[in-house]
Amino acid sequence: MLRDADKGVWAAAAIASGATMGAILFVRMTVRAALAFTIAGTGSPFVTSGLADFAYVLTVLWFFPAAMFVMSGAFGLRQAGMISNRFLTAGVLAVVVALLGGTTWASDGFWAPDGAYSLISAFVVFLWIAVLSGFLVMKASAAKAPDRAAVPTP
C-alpha cells in the first residue's frame, strides 16, 4: 500500500526493518534452543554464560528495528493519508516505548532484558503490528469490494 501511494522509501524501511527483526529473532531463538537442548548440560560454563548474554543482547537490540518498523508504518501511512492523526500519535507512542525497550540493560529487575519493561515493550510492538495489519486488511478488502449502488439491478 505504501508503494502504491508513492511512499516507496517508507515501504523499503518497513521491509528492511521487518527483515532485520526476523533475523534477530531467528538467531535469538536458535541460541536459546541450543542452550536449552544441548550446550547448557554438557558445555563449559563460560560458553553457556556467553551464549546466554548474547541472547540477552539480541533481545535488547531487537527493539531498534522494531521501532523503525512501527515508525515506517505510522509516518508512511499518515503521509499517504491512510491513517488519522490519532493513529499516528499512537504509532509515535509505540515507537517511543520500543526505543525505551532498547535501554533495558540492567542485570535484573524491571529494566532487565527479561524484566517486565521488555515484555511490555514487546507487547506494544506486537499490538501495533496486529492492529495495523487488521486495518490494512480491512482497507484492502473495502477497496476490492464492488460498489453495490453502482451495479444496476435487472
Protein backbone atom coordinates (compact mmCIF):
# COMPACT_ATOMS: atom_id res chain seq x y z
CA MET A 1 0.00 0.00 0.00
CA LEU A 2 2.84 2.41 0.73
CA ARG A 3 4.46 1.75 -2.62
CA ASP A 4 1.12 2.25 -4.39
CA ALA A 5 0.72 5.56 -2.56
CA ASP A 6 4.15 6.70 -3.87
CA LYS A 7 5.78 6.27 -0.46
CA GLY A 8 8.41 3.75 -1.56
CA VAL A 9 11.05 4.95 0.91
CA TRP A 10 8.78 4.14 3.86
CA ALA A 11 7.91 0.80 2.27
CA ALA A 12 11.61 -0.03 1.89
CA ALA A 13 12.24 0.96 5.50
CA ALA A 14 9.41 -1.32 6.64
CA ILE A 15 10.77 -4.23 4.61
CA ALA A 16 14.35 -3.75 5.81
CA SER A 17 13.39 -3.34 9.46
CA GLY A 18 10.97 -6.27 9.30
CA ALA A 19 13.66 -8.50 7.81
CA THR A 20 16.12 -7.37 10.48
CA MET A 21 13.58 -8.10 13.22
CA GLY A 22 13.01 -11.57 11.80
CA ALA A 23 16.73 -12.30 11.53
CA ILE A 24 17.41 -11.19 15.11
CA LEU A 25 14.51 -13.23 16.45
CA PHE A 26 15.64 -16.29 14.48
CA VAL A 27 19.23 -16.08 15.78
CA ARG A 28 17.97 -15.49 19.32
CA MET A 29 15.65 -18.48 19.06
CA THR A 30 18.50 -20.64 17.74
CA VAL A 31 20.85 -19.61 20.55
CA ARG A 32 18.22 -20.21 23.22
CA ALA A 33 17.27 -23.58 21.74
CA ALA A 34 20.92 -24.61 21.64
CA LEU A 35 21.30 -23.57 25.26
CA ALA A 36 18.18 -25.41 26.32
CA PHE A 37 18.77 -28.67 24.50
CA THR A 38 22.49 -29.25 24.13
CA ILE A 39 25.06 -26.72 25.25
CA ALA A 40 23.94 -25.93 28.80
CA GLY A 41 24.09 -29.52 30.02
CA THR A 42 27.42 -30.57 28.56
CA GLY A 43 29.29 -27.38 27.72
CA SER A 44 31.65 -25.15 29.54
CA PRO A 45 30.02 -22.70 31.97
CA PHE A 46 31.89 -19.87 30.25
CA VAL A 47 30.43 -20.76 26.85
CA THR A 48 26.97 -21.19 28.35
CA SER A 49 27.19 -17.84 30.12
CA GLY A 50 28.48 -16.12 26.98
CA LEU A 51 25.68 -17.50 24.83
CA ALA A 52 23.07 -16.54 27.42
CA ASP A 53 24.47 -12.99 27.47
CA PHE A 54 24.43 -12.95 23.65
CA ALA A 55 20.73 -13.92 23.72
CA TYR A 56 20.10 -11.01 26.11
CA VAL A 57 21.93 -8.64 23.78
CA LEU A 58 19.79 -9.82 20.86
CA THR A 59 16.67 -9.27 22.96
CA VAL A 60 17.63 -5.65 23.57
CA LEU A 61 18.87 -4.95 20.04
CA TRP A 62 15.62 -6.27 18.55
CA PHE A 63 13.80 -3.18 19.77
CA PHE A 64 15.64 -0.82 17.40
CA PRO A 65 14.44 -2.38 14.13
CA ALA A 66 11.05 -2.87 15.81
CA ALA A 67 10.87 0.87 16.45
CA MET A 68 11.84 1.54 12.83
CA PHE A 69 9.14 -0.84 11.63
CA VAL A 70 6.48 0.92 13.68
CA MET A 71 7.78 4.32 12.61
CA SER A 72 7.81 3.48 8.91
CA GLY A 73 4.23 2.26 9.12
CA ALA A 74 2.98 5.21 11.14
CA PHE A 75 4.68 8.00 9.21
CA GLY A 76 4.36 6.40 5.79
CA LEU A 77 0.67 5.63 6.10
CA ARG A 78 -0.03 9.09 7.56
CA GLN A 79 1.78 10.78 4.67
CA ALA A 80 -0.23 8.63 2.28
CA GLY A 81 -3.43 9.77 4.02
CA MET A 82 -4.43 6.24 5.03
CA ILE A 83 -4.47 6.73 8.81
CA SER A 84 -5.66 9.52 11.05
CA ASN A 85 -3.58 11.80 13.25
CA ARG A 86 -4.78 9.90 16.33
CA PHE A 87 -3.48 6.64 14.89
CA LEU A 88 -0.20 8.41 14.04
CA THR A 89 0.03 9.58 17.65
CA ALA A 90 -0.46 6.00 18.84
CA GLY A 91 2.32 4.96 16.45
CA VAL A 92 4.70 7.60 17.76
CA LEU A 93 4.00 6.48 21.33
CA ALA A 94 4.67 2.87 20.27
CA VAL A 95 7.98 3.99 18.72
CA VAL A 96 9.00 5.68 21.98
CA VAL A 97 8.05 2.60 24.01
CA ALA A 98 10.04 0.38 21.62
CA LEU A 99 13.09 2.65 21.72
CA LEU A 100 12.99 2.60 25.51
CA GLY A 101 12.98 -1.19 25.24
CA GLY A 102 16.43 -0.82 23.72
CA THR A 103 17.65 0.63 27.02
CA THR A 104 16.89 -2.46 29.11
CA TRP A 105 20.48 -3.34 30.01
CA ALA A 106 20.08 -3.93 33.76
CA SER A 107 21.22 -7.30 35.06
CA ASP A 108 17.93 -7.98 36.85
CA GLY A 109 14.64 -6.41 37.80
CA PHE A 110 12.11 -4.33 35.90
CA TRP A 111 14.64 -2.84 33.44
CA ALA A 112 16.43 -6.11 32.56
CA PRO A 113 16.18 -7.83 29.14
CA ASP A 114 13.98 -10.46 30.77
CA GLY A 115 12.23 -7.94 33.01
CA ALA A 116 8.75 -6.53 32.90
CA TYR A 117 9.50 -3.47 30.73
CA SER A 118 10.99 -5.61 27.99
CA LEU A 119 7.81 -7.69 27.92
CA ILE A 120 5.61 -4.60 27.95
CA SER A 121 7.59 -3.04 25.12
CA ALA A 122 7.44 -6.20 23.00
CA PHE A 123 3.70 -6.44 23.66
CA VAL A 124 3.19 -2.85 22.47
CA VAL A 125 5.12 -3.56 19.25
CA PHE A 126 3.18 -6.75 18.56
CA LEU A 127 -0.10 -4.99 19.35
CA TRP A 128 0.76 -2.22 16.89
CA ILE A 129 1.59 -4.80 14.20
CA ALA A 130 -1.67 -6.69 14.83
CA VAL A 131 -3.88 -3.59 14.81
CA LEU A 132 -2.18 -2.12 11.75
CA SER A 133 -2.39 -5.44 9.92
CA GLY A 134 -6.09 -5.71 10.66
CA PHE A 135 -6.63 -2.14 9.50
CA LEU A 136 -4.75 -2.73 6.24
CA VAL A 137 -6.67 -5.94 5.54
CA MET A 138 -9.98 -4.15 6.06
CA LYS A 139 -8.85 -1.27 3.87
CA ALA A 140 -7.74 -3.62 1.09
CA SER A 141 -10.94 -5.65 1.20
CA ALA A 142 -13.03 -2.47 1.13
CA ALA A 143 -11.12 -1.29 -1.94
CA LYS A 144 -11.74 -4.59 -3.75
CA ALA A 145 -15.43 -4.86 -2.83
CA PRO A 146 -17.72 -3.81 -5.68
CA ASP A 147 -19.89 -0.79 -5.11
CA ARG A 148 -23.42 -2.17 -4.68
CA ALA A 149 -25.08 1.15 -5.51
CA ALA A 150 -23.30 1.40 -8.87
CA VAL A 151 -24.40 -2.05 -10.03
CA PRO A 152 -27.68 -1.84 -11.95
CA THR A 153 -30.38 -4.24 -10.85
CA PRO A 154 -32.18 -6.18 -13.57
